[in-house]
C-alpha atoms as a PDB file:
ATOM      1  CA  UNK A   1      15.137  -7.258  -5.653  1.00  0.00           C
ATOM      2  CA  UNK A   2      12.503  -6.890  -3.022  1.00  0.00           C
ATOM      3  CA  UNK A   3      13.742  -6.539   0.527  1.00  0.00           C
ATOM      4  CA  UNK A   4      13.520  -9.714   2.570  1.00  0.00           C
ATOM      5  CA  UNK A   5      10.898  -9.767   5.384  1.00  0.00           C
ATOM      6  CA  UNK A   6      10.968 -10.724   8.976  1.00  0.00           C
ATOM      7  CA  UNK A   7       7.538 -12.003  10.148  1.00  0.00           C
ATOM      8  CA  UNK A   8       6.669 -12.898  13.717  1.00  0.00           C
ATOM      9  CA  UNK A   9       3.942 -15.534  13.892  1.00  0.00           C
ATOM     10  CA  UNK A  10       1.400 -15.644  16.655  1.00  0.00           C
ATOM     11  CA  UNK A  11      -0.397 -18.896  17.024  1.00  0.00           C
ATOM     12  CA  UNK A  12      -3.694 -18.350  18.768  1.00  0.00           C
ATOM     13  CA  UNK A  13      -5.639 -20.729  21.013  1.00  0.00           C
ATOM     14  CA  UNK A  14      -8.583 -19.599  23.003  1.00  0.00           C
ATOM     15  CA  UNK A  15      -7.596 -15.951  22.362  1.00  0.00           C
ATOM     16  CA  UNK A  16      -4.055 -16.346  23.745  1.00  0.00           C
ATOM     17  CA  UNK A  17      -0.758 -16.643  21.898  1.00  0.00           C
ATOM     18  CA  UNK A  18       0.777 -20.159  22.313  1.00  0.00           C
ATOM     19  CA  UNK A  19       3.997 -21.900  21.146  1.00  0.00           C
ATOM     20  CA  UNK A  20       5.013 -25.497  21.100  1.00  0.00           C
ATOM     21  CA  UNK A  21       7.466 -27.879  19.417  1.00  0.00           C
ATOM     22  CA  UNK A  22       6.616 -29.990  16.433  1.00  0.00           C
ATOM     23  CA  UNK A  23       2.984 -28.729  16.772  1.00  0.00           C
ATOM     24  CA  UNK A  24       2.480 -30.152  20.308  1.00  0.00           C
ATOM     25  CA  UNK A  25       3.381 -29.266  23.931  1.00  0.00           C
ATOM     26  CA  UNK A  26       1.922 -25.723  23.749  1.00  0.00           C
ATOM     27  CA  UNK A  27       2.693 -23.086  26.280  1.00  0.00           C
ATOM     28  CA  UNK A  28       1.306 -19.630  26.798  1.00  0.00           C
ATOM     29  CA  UNK A  29       3.227 -16.705  25.289  1.00  0.00           C
ATOM     30  CA  UNK A  30       0.953 -13.754  25.983  1.00  0.00           C
ATOM     31  CA  UNK A  31      -1.720 -11.543  24.574  1.00  0.00           C
ATOM     32  CA  UNK A  32      -1.607 -11.555  20.794  1.00  0.00           C
ATOM     33  CA  UNK A  33      -2.633  -7.924  20.304  1.00  0.00           C
ATOM     34  CA  UNK A  34      -0.063  -6.698  22.875  1.00  0.00           C
ATOM     35  CA  UNK A  35       2.673  -8.813  21.270  1.00  0.00           C
ATOM     36  CA  UNK A  36       1.698  -7.671  17.744  1.00  0.00           C
ATOM     37  CA  UNK A  37       1.878  -4.044  18.728  1.00  0.00           C
ATOM     38  CA  UNK A  38       5.316  -4.574  20.247  1.00  0.00           C
ATOM     39  CA  UNK A  39       6.584  -6.338  17.149  1.00  0.00           C
ATOM     40  CA  UNK A  40       5.310  -3.510  14.960  1.00  0.00           C
ATOM     41  CA  UNK A  41       7.200  -0.934  16.992  1.00  0.00           C
ATOM     42  CA  UNK A  42      10.329  -3.059  16.916  1.00  0.00           C
ATOM     43  CA  UNK A  43      10.359  -3.149  13.090  1.00  0.00           C
ATOM     44  CA  UNK A  44       8.652  -6.361  12.060  1.00  0.00           C
ATOM     45  CA  UNK A  45       7.662  -6.167   8.400  1.00  0.00           C
ATOM     46  CA  UNK A  46       4.478  -8.109   8.709  1.00  0.00           C
ATOM     47  CA  UNK A  47       2.625 -10.277  11.240  1.00  0.00           C
ATOM     48  CA  UNK A  48       0.847 -13.596  10.918  1.00  0.00           C
ATOM     49  CA  UNK A  49      -1.948 -14.541  13.252  1.00  0.00           C
ATOM     50  CA  UNK A  50      -3.095 -18.230  13.020  1.00  0.00           C
ATOM     51  CA  UNK A  51      -5.929 -19.704  15.036  1.00  0.00           C
ATOM     52  CA  UNK A  52      -4.297 -23.134  15.236  1.00  0.00           C
ATOM     53  CA  UNK A  53      -7.353 -25.031  16.457  1.00  0.00           C
ATOM     54  CA  UNK A  54      -9.978 -23.372  14.293  1.00  0.00           C
ATOM     55  CA  UNK A  55     -10.133 -26.078  11.693  1.00  0.00           C
ATOM     56  CA  UNK A  56      -9.856 -28.961  14.108  1.00  0.00           C
ATOM     57  CA  UNK A  57     -12.538 -27.581  16.441  1.00  0.00           C
ATOM     58  CA  UNK A  58     -14.767 -26.357  13.525  1.00  0.00           C
ATOM     59  CA  UNK A  59     -14.613 -22.700  14.682  1.00  0.00           C
ATOM     60  CA  UNK A  60     -14.305 -19.600  12.668  1.00  0.00           C
ATOM     61  CA  UNK A  61     -11.445 -17.175  13.054  1.00  0.00           C
ATOM     62  CA  UNK A  62     -12.860 -14.317  15.081  1.00  0.00           C
ATOM     63  CA  UNK A  63     -13.329 -11.027  13.275  1.00  0.00           C
ATOM     64  CA  UNK A  64     -13.087  -9.365  16.641  1.00  0.00           C
ATOM     65  CA  UNK A  65      -9.457 -10.310  16.866  1.00  0.00           C
ATOM     66  CA  UNK A  66      -8.651  -8.768  13.504  1.00  0.00           C
ATOM     67  CA  UNK A  67     -10.403  -5.583  14.581  1.00  0.00           C
ATOM     68  CA  UNK A  68      -8.358  -5.390  17.804  1.00  0.00           C
ATOM     69  CA  UNK A  69      -5.167  -5.991  15.945  1.00  0.00           C
ATOM     70  CA  UNK A  70      -5.823  -3.416  13.246  1.00  0.00           C
ATOM     71  CA  UNK A  71      -6.510  -0.736  15.831  1.00  0.00           C
ATOM     72  CA  UNK A  72      -3.095  -1.331  17.479  1.00  0.00           C
ATOM     73  CA  UNK A  73      -0.640  -1.881  14.661  1.00  0.00           C
ATOM     74  CA  UNK A  74       0.359  -0.095  11.469  1.00  0.00           C
ATOM     75  CA  UNK A  75       1.956  -2.872   9.451  1.00  0.00           C
ATOM     76  CA  UNK A  76       0.344  -5.548   7.218  1.00  0.00           C
ATOM     77  CA  UNK A  77      -1.031  -8.663   8.908  1.00  0.00           C
ATOM     78  CA  UNK A  78      -2.334 -11.948   7.820  1.00  0.00           C
ATOM     79  CA  UNK A  79      -5.051 -13.941   9.596  1.00  0.00           C
ATOM     80  CA  UNK A  80      -5.662 -17.693   9.177  1.00  0.00           C
ATOM     81  CA  UNK A  81      -7.502 -20.498  10.724  1.00  0.00           C
ATOM     82  CA  UNK A  82     -10.932 -21.972   9.970  1.00  0.00           C
ATOM     83  CA  UNK A  83     -11.381 -19.878   6.720  1.00  0.00           C
ATOM     84  CA  UNK A  84     -13.534 -21.836   4.239  1.00  0.00           C
ATOM     85  CA  UNK A  85     -15.515 -19.270   2.274  1.00  0.00           C
ATOM     86  CA  UNK A  86     -15.434 -15.861   0.625  1.00  0.00           C
ATOM     87  CA  UNK A  87     -17.734 -14.576   3.327  1.00  0.00           C
ATOM     88  CA  UNK A  88     -15.140 -15.488   6.010  1.00  0.00           C
ATOM     89  CA  UNK A  89     -12.511 -13.637   4.160  1.00  0.00           C
ATOM     90  CA  UNK A  90     -14.776 -10.537   3.553  1.00  0.00           C
ATOM     91  CA  UNK A  91     -15.420 -10.196   7.282  1.00  0.00           C
ATOM     92  CA  UNK A  92     -11.755 -10.420   8.090  1.00  0.00           C
ATOM     93  CA  UNK A  93     -10.695  -7.848   5.498  1.00  0.00           C
ATOM     94  CA  UNK A  94     -13.445  -5.547   6.462  1.00  0.00           C
ATOM     95  CA  UNK A  95     -12.090  -5.691  10.049  1.00  0.00           C
ATOM     96  CA  UNK A  96      -8.582  -4.729   9.017  1.00  0.00           C
ATOM     97  CA  UNK A  97      -6.708  -7.848   7.855  1.00  0.00           C
ATOM     98  CA  UNK A  98      -4.530  -7.286   4.849  1.00  0.00           C
ATOM     99  CA  UNK A  99      -4.220 -10.945   3.818  1.00  0.00           C
ATOM    100  CA  UNK A 100      -5.762 -14.283   4.733  1.00  0.00           C
ATOM    101  CA  UNK A 101      -4.152 -17.731   5.030  1.00  0.00           C
ATOM    102  CA  UNK A 102      -5.915 -20.897   3.916  1.00  0.00           C
ATOM    103  CA  UNK A 103      -4.710 -24.468   4.557  1.00  0.00           C
ATOM    104  CA  UNK A 104      -6.879 -27.432   5.199  1.00  0.00           C
ATOM    105  CA  UNK A 105      -9.981 -25.980   3.519  1.00  0.00           C
ATOM    106  CA  UNK A 106      -8.109 -25.162   0.372  1.00  0.00           C
ATOM    107  CA  UNK A 107      -6.583 -28.648   0.121  1.00  0.00           C
ATOM    108  CA  UNK A 108      -9.984 -30.207   0.421  1.00  0.00           C
ATOM    109  CA  UNK A 109     -11.485 -27.737  -2.021  1.00  0.00           C
ATOM    110  CA  UNK A 110      -8.833 -26.217  -4.292  1.00  0.00           C
ATOM    111  CA  UNK A 111     -11.534 -24.115  -6.105  1.00  0.00           C
ATOM    112  CA  UNK A 112     -11.687 -22.074  -2.880  1.00  0.00           C
ATOM    113  CA  UNK A 113      -8.242 -20.628  -3.842  1.00  0.00           C
ATOM    114  CA  UNK A 114      -9.542 -19.528  -7.246  1.00  0.00           C
ATOM    115  CA  UNK A 115     -12.743 -18.099  -5.710  1.00  0.00           C
ATOM    116  CA  UNK A 116     -10.795 -16.037  -3.149  1.00  0.00           C
ATOM    117  CA  UNK A 117      -8.182 -14.800  -5.707  1.00  0.00           C
ATOM    118  CA  UNK A 118     -10.975 -13.844  -8.077  1.00  0.00           C
ATOM    119  CA  UNK A 119     -12.885 -11.984  -5.415  1.00  0.00           C
ATOM    120  CA  UNK A 120     -10.053 -10.282  -3.486  1.00  0.00           C
ATOM    121  CA  UNK A 121      -6.904 -10.669  -5.656  1.00  0.00           C
ATOM    122  CA  UNK A 122      -4.061 -13.136  -5.480  1.00  0.00           C
ATOM    123  CA  UNK A 123      -2.006 -10.783  -3.331  1.00  0.00           C
ATOM    124  CA  UNK A 124      -4.491 -11.411  -0.527  1.00  0.00           C
ATOM    125  CA  UNK A 125      -4.412 -15.155  -0.605  1.00  0.00           C
ATOM    126  CA  UNK A 126      -1.578 -16.946   1.299  1.00  0.00           C
ATOM    127  CA  UNK A 127      -1.530 -20.710   0.995  1.00  0.00           C
ATOM    128  CA  UNK A 128      -0.151 -22.262   4.156  1.00  0.00           C
ATOM    129  CA  UNK A 129       1.369 -25.714   3.722  1.00  0.00           C
ATOM    130  CA  UNK A 130       2.432 -27.850   6.685  1.00  0.00           C
ATOM    131  CA  UNK A 131       4.880 -30.623   5.719  1.00  0.00           C
ATOM    132  CA  UNK A 132       6.755 -33.449   7.196  1.00  0.00           C
ATOM    133  CA  UNK A 133       9.523 -35.538   5.660  1.00  0.00           C
ATOM    134  CA  UNK A 134       8.529 -39.128   4.917  1.00  0.00           C
ATOM    135  CA  UNK A 135      10.618 -42.272   5.062  1.00  0.00           C
ATOM    136  CA  UNK A 136      11.282 -42.034   1.407  1.00  0.00           C
ATOM    137  CA  UNK A 137      12.824 -38.601   1.613  1.00  0.00           C
ATOM    138  CA  UNK A 138       9.797 -36.906   0.129  1.00  0.00           C
ATOM    139  CA  UNK A 139       7.966 -34.028   1.923  1.00  0.00           C
ATOM    140  CA  UNK A 140       4.262 -34.768   2.413  1.00  0.00           C
ATOM    141  CA  UNK A 141       1.414 -32.303   3.215  1.00  0.00           C
ATOM    142  CA  UNK A 142      -0.364 -32.521   6.539  1.00  0.00           C
ATOM    143  CA  UNK A 143      -3.813 -31.129   7.335  1.00  0.00           C
ATOM    144  CA  UNK A 144      -5.863 -30.106  10.394  1.00  0.00           C
ATOM    145  CA  UNK A 145      -2.959 -28.483  12.304  1.00  0.00           C
ATOM    146  CA  UNK A 146      -0.549 -31.336  11.498  1.00  0.00           C
ATOM    147  CA  UNK A 147      -2.959 -34.116  12.625  1.00  0.00           C
ATOM    148  CA  UNK A 148      -3.840 -35.597   9.228  1.00  0.00           C
ATOM    149  CA  UNK A 149      -1.275 -37.048   6.809  1.00  0.00           C
ATOM    150  CA  UNK A 150      -1.882 -36.912   3.075  1.00  0.00           C
ATOM    151  CA  UNK A 151      -0.086 -38.701   0.206  1.00  0.00           C
ATOM    152  CA  UNK A 152       0.454 -35.385  -1.622  1.00  0.00           C
ATOM    153  CA  UNK A 153       3.935 -33.973  -1.975  1.00  0.00           C
ATOM    154  CA  UNK A 154       4.711 -30.428  -0.899  1.00  0.00           C
ATOM    155  CA  UNK A 155       5.941 -29.304  -4.277  1.00  0.00           C
ATOM    156  CA  UNK A 156       3.030 -30.763  -6.168  1.00  0.00           C
ATOM    157  CA  UNK A 157       0.508 -29.098  -3.892  1.00  0.00           C
ATOM    158  CA  UNK A 158       2.360 -25.782  -3.894  1.00  0.00           C
ATOM    159  CA  UNK A 159       2.408 -25.719  -7.719  1.00  0.00           C
ATOM    160  CA  UNK A 160      -1.270 -26.440  -7.925  1.00  0.00           C
ATOM    161  CA  UNK A 161      -2.063 -23.863  -5.377  1.00  0.00           C
ATOM    162  CA  UNK A 162      -0.198 -21.155  -7.202  1.00  0.00           C
ATOM    163  CA  UNK A 163      -1.985 -22.254 -10.462  1.00  0.00           C
ATOM    164  CA  UNK A 164      -5.255 -21.837  -8.688  1.00  0.00           C
ATOM    165  CA  UNK A 165      -4.368 -18.312  -7.710  1.00  0.00           C
ATOM    166  CA  UNK A 166      -2.391 -18.349  -4.440  1.00  0.00           C
ATOM    167  CA  UNK A 167      -0.156 -15.258  -4.324  1.00  0.00           C
ATOM    168  CA  UNK A 168       2.191 -16.461  -1.586  1.00  0.00           C
ATOM    169  CA  UNK A 169       3.259 -19.726   0.074  1.00  0.00           C
ATOM    170  CA  UNK A 170       3.706 -20.068   3.852  1.00  0.00           C
ATOM    171  CA  UNK A 171       5.839 -23.215   4.133  1.00  0.00           C
ATOM    172  CA  UNK A 172       6.057 -24.768   7.588  1.00  0.00           C
ATOM    173  CA  UNK A 173       8.335 -27.691   8.253  1.00  0.00           C
ATOM    174  CA  UNK A 174       6.770 -29.714  11.090  1.00  0.00           C
ATOM    175  CA  UNK A 175      10.073 -31.466  11.621  1.00  0.00           C
ATOM    176  CA  UNK A 176      11.795 -28.155  12.380  1.00  0.00           C
ATOM    177  CA  UNK A 177       8.895 -26.424  14.120  1.00  0.00           C
ATOM    178  CA  UNK A 178       9.989 -25.050  17.569  1.00  0.00           C
ATOM    179  CA  UNK A 179      13.343 -26.859  17.578  1.00  0.00           C
ATOM    180  CA  UNK A 180      15.436 -23.737  16.963  1.00  0.00           C
ATOM    181  CA  UNK A 181      17.858 -25.980  14.976  1.00  0.00           C
ATOM    182  CA  UNK A 182      17.517 -24.070  11.701  1.00  0.00           C
ATOM    183  CA  UNK A 183      14.974 -23.705   8.883  1.00  0.00           C
ATOM    184  CA  UNK A 184      14.278 -26.419   6.244  1.00  0.00           C
ATOM    185  CA  UNK A 185      16.793 -24.893   3.828  1.00  0.00           C
ATOM    186  CA  UNK A 186      16.731 -27.549   1.100  1.00  0.00           C
ATOM    187  CA  UNK A 187      12.855 -27.703   0.973  1.00  0.00           C
ATOM    188  CA  UNK A 188      12.477 -23.975   0.986  1.00  0.00           C
ATOM    189  CA  UNK A 189      14.964 -23.621  -1.875  1.00  0.00           C
ATOM    190  CA  UNK A 190      13.062 -26.295  -3.820  1.00  0.00           C
ATOM    191  CA  UNK A 191       9.840 -24.263  -3.652  1.00  0.00           C
ATOM    192  CA  UNK A 192      11.565 -20.923  -4.207  1.00  0.00           C
ATOM    193  CA  UNK A 193      13.199 -22.165  -7.393  1.00  0.00           C
ATOM    194  CA  UNK A 194      10.054 -23.742  -8.792  1.00  0.00           C
ATOM    195  CA  UNK A 195       7.350 -21.206  -7.975  1.00  0.00           C
ATOM    196  CA  UNK A 196       6.754 -17.702  -9.416  1.00  0.00           C
ATOM    197  CA  UNK A 197       5.401 -16.307  -6.023  1.00  0.00           C
ATOM    198  CA  UNK A 198       7.143 -15.443  -2.723  1.00  0.00           C
ATOM    199  CA  UNK A 199       7.894 -18.266  -0.290  1.00  0.00           C
ATOM    200  CA  UNK A 200       7.821 -17.687   3.486  1.00  0.00           C
ATOM    201  CA  UNK A 201       9.968 -20.091   5.442  1.00  0.00           C
ATOM    202  CA  UNK A 202       8.643 -21.205   8.830  1.00  0.00           C
ATOM    203  CA  UNK A 203       9.877 -23.667  11.435  1.00  0.00           C
ATOM    204  CA  UNK A 204      13.270 -23.882  13.204  1.00  0.00           C
ATOM    205  CA  UNK A 205      14.594 -20.376  13.375  1.00  0.00           C
ATOM    206  CA  UNK A 206      16.778 -20.177  16.503  1.00  0.00           C
ATOM    207  CA  UNK A 207      19.783 -18.019  15.713  1.00  0.00           C
ATOM    208  CA  UNK A 208      20.560 -14.943  13.660  1.00  0.00           C
ATOM    209  CA  UNK A 209      22.693 -17.159  11.385  1.00  0.00           C
ATOM    210  CA  UNK A 210      19.615 -19.370  10.640  1.00  0.00           C
ATOM    211  CA  UNK A 211      17.916 -16.350   9.137  1.00  0.00           C
ATOM    212  CA  UNK A 212      20.916 -15.431   7.049  1.00  0.00           C
ATOM    213  CA  UNK A 213      21.136 -19.027   5.805  1.00  0.00           C
ATOM    214  CA  UNK A 214      17.406 -19.300   4.849  1.00  0.00           C
ATOM    215  CA  UNK A 215      17.681 -16.062   2.810  1.00  0.00           C
ATOM    216  CA  UNK A 216      21.027 -16.905   1.101  1.00  0.00           C
ATOM    217  CA  UNK A 217      20.871 -20.599   0.699  1.00  0.00           C
ATOM    218  CA  UNK A 218      17.134 -21.268   0.980  1.00  0.00           C
ATOM    219  CA  UNK A 219      16.238 -18.293  -1.255  1.00  0.00           C
ATOM    220  CA  UNK A 220      13.276 -17.518   0.932  1.00  0.00           C
ATOM    221  CA  UNK A 221      11.475 -14.208   0.409  1.00  0.00           C
ATOM    222  CA  UNK A 222      10.522 -13.936   4.063  1.00  0.00           C
ATOM    223  CA  UNK A 223      11.347 -15.729   7.319  1.00  0.00           C
ATOM    224  CA  UNK A 224       8.761 -16.368   9.986  1.00  0.00           C
ATOM    225  CA  UNK A 225       9.384 -17.316  13.589  1.00  0.00           C
ATOM    226  CA  UNK A 226       7.638 -17.335  16.847  1.00  0.00           C
ATOM    227  CA  UNK A 227       9.146 -18.347  20.246  1.00  0.00           C
ATOM    228  CA  UNK A 228      12.542 -16.540  19.706  1.00  0.00           C
ATOM    229  CA  UNK A 229      10.509 -13.279  19.410  1.00  0.00           C
ATOM    230  CA  UNK A 230       7.774 -14.121  22.017  1.00  0.00           C
ATOM    231  CA  UNK A 231      10.304 -14.955  24.717  1.00  0.00           C
ATOM    232  CA  UNK A 232      12.849 -12.181  23.851  1.00  0.00           C
ATOM    233  CA  UNK A 233      15.625 -14.449  22.638  1.00  0.00           C
ATOM    234  CA  UNK A 234      16.385 -12.453  19.518  1.00  0.00           C
ATOM    235  CA  UNK A 235      15.114  -8.839  19.383  1.00  0.00           C
ATOM    236  CA  UNK A 236      13.938  -7.947  15.913  1.00  0.00           C
ATOM    237  CA  UNK A 237      16.179  -4.760  15.635  1.00  0.00           C
ATOM    238  CA  UNK A 238      19.291  -6.870  16.511  1.00  0.00           C
ATOM    239  CA  UNK A 239      18.367  -9.487  13.953  1.00  0.00           C
ATOM    240  CA  UNK A 240      17.881  -6.888  11.178  1.00  0.00           C
ATOM    241  CA  UNK A 241      21.210  -5.184  12.081  1.00  0.00           C
ATOM    242  CA  UNK A 242      22.948  -8.571  11.741  1.00  0.00           C
ATOM    243  CA  UNK A 243      21.321  -9.413   8.431  1.00  0.00           C
ATOM    244  CA  UNK A 244      22.427  -6.017   7.017  1.00  0.00           C
ATOM    245  CA  UNK A 245      26.086  -6.887   7.961  1.00  0.00           C
ATOM    246  CA  UNK A 246      25.545 -10.143   6.128  1.00  0.00           C
ATOM    247  CA  UNK A 247      24.716  -8.220   2.941  1.00  0.00           C
ATOM    248  CA  UNK A 248      20.952  -9.055   2.976  1.00  0.00           C
ATOM    249  CA  UNK A 249      18.564  -6.409   1.796  1.00  0.00           C
ATOM    250  CA  UNK A 250      16.244  -5.828   4.685  1.00  0.00           C
ATOM    251  CA  UNK A 251      14.062  -2.897   5.738  1.00  0.00           C
ATOM    252  CA  UNK A 252      15.176  -0.858   8.681  1.00  0.00           C
END
């Protein structure tokens, strides 16, 4: 089995790292390049940088950010936000990104996933899915940074995305985001058991036990978190040491 991955996520707004709860009430968390370099030194397996307002404000993810990140870290990183074409991806990869994340643009034009996978390889294409639980118990996809509800279920869209060429799913539970009450274990397991690609769980990580649970019960391939790392609540080395004692295969 592949080792499980710990992935700090840096949400970017106007060039700064921010973090909120349930996608709102954002607060500043520092310089993304400085934070990314620190996480790489502490043992993070990968990093994810998301320009959370790029799609909403019709802006492109800045290639300059990718270039700055690449010059300061030596681990793989993914960049997302406002990506809508192969040209967008090419610029980011040329400036040092290892993978790209697509969300709203891919939902509105699923052929974009096939185009990107065909041009750069499925391993480069991460399909980010933001979901919220509906009154009927189903999990529905949301677009534009969680602002726009759709009638498409999470599993249906994830399956289609993988069929179109996505090599990985970044699953964010909006209900759990920033709460530190635990990941969406049931939903993560649903995707992990029904998809042939890795699933990254995001939203709700607040304790070391939450990470153990999402790996063991949720069957996630990776766990992503933000504020607990940004504000020094759980140092990455301590988290990894704990997971090893839990019998989870993790890189040191």
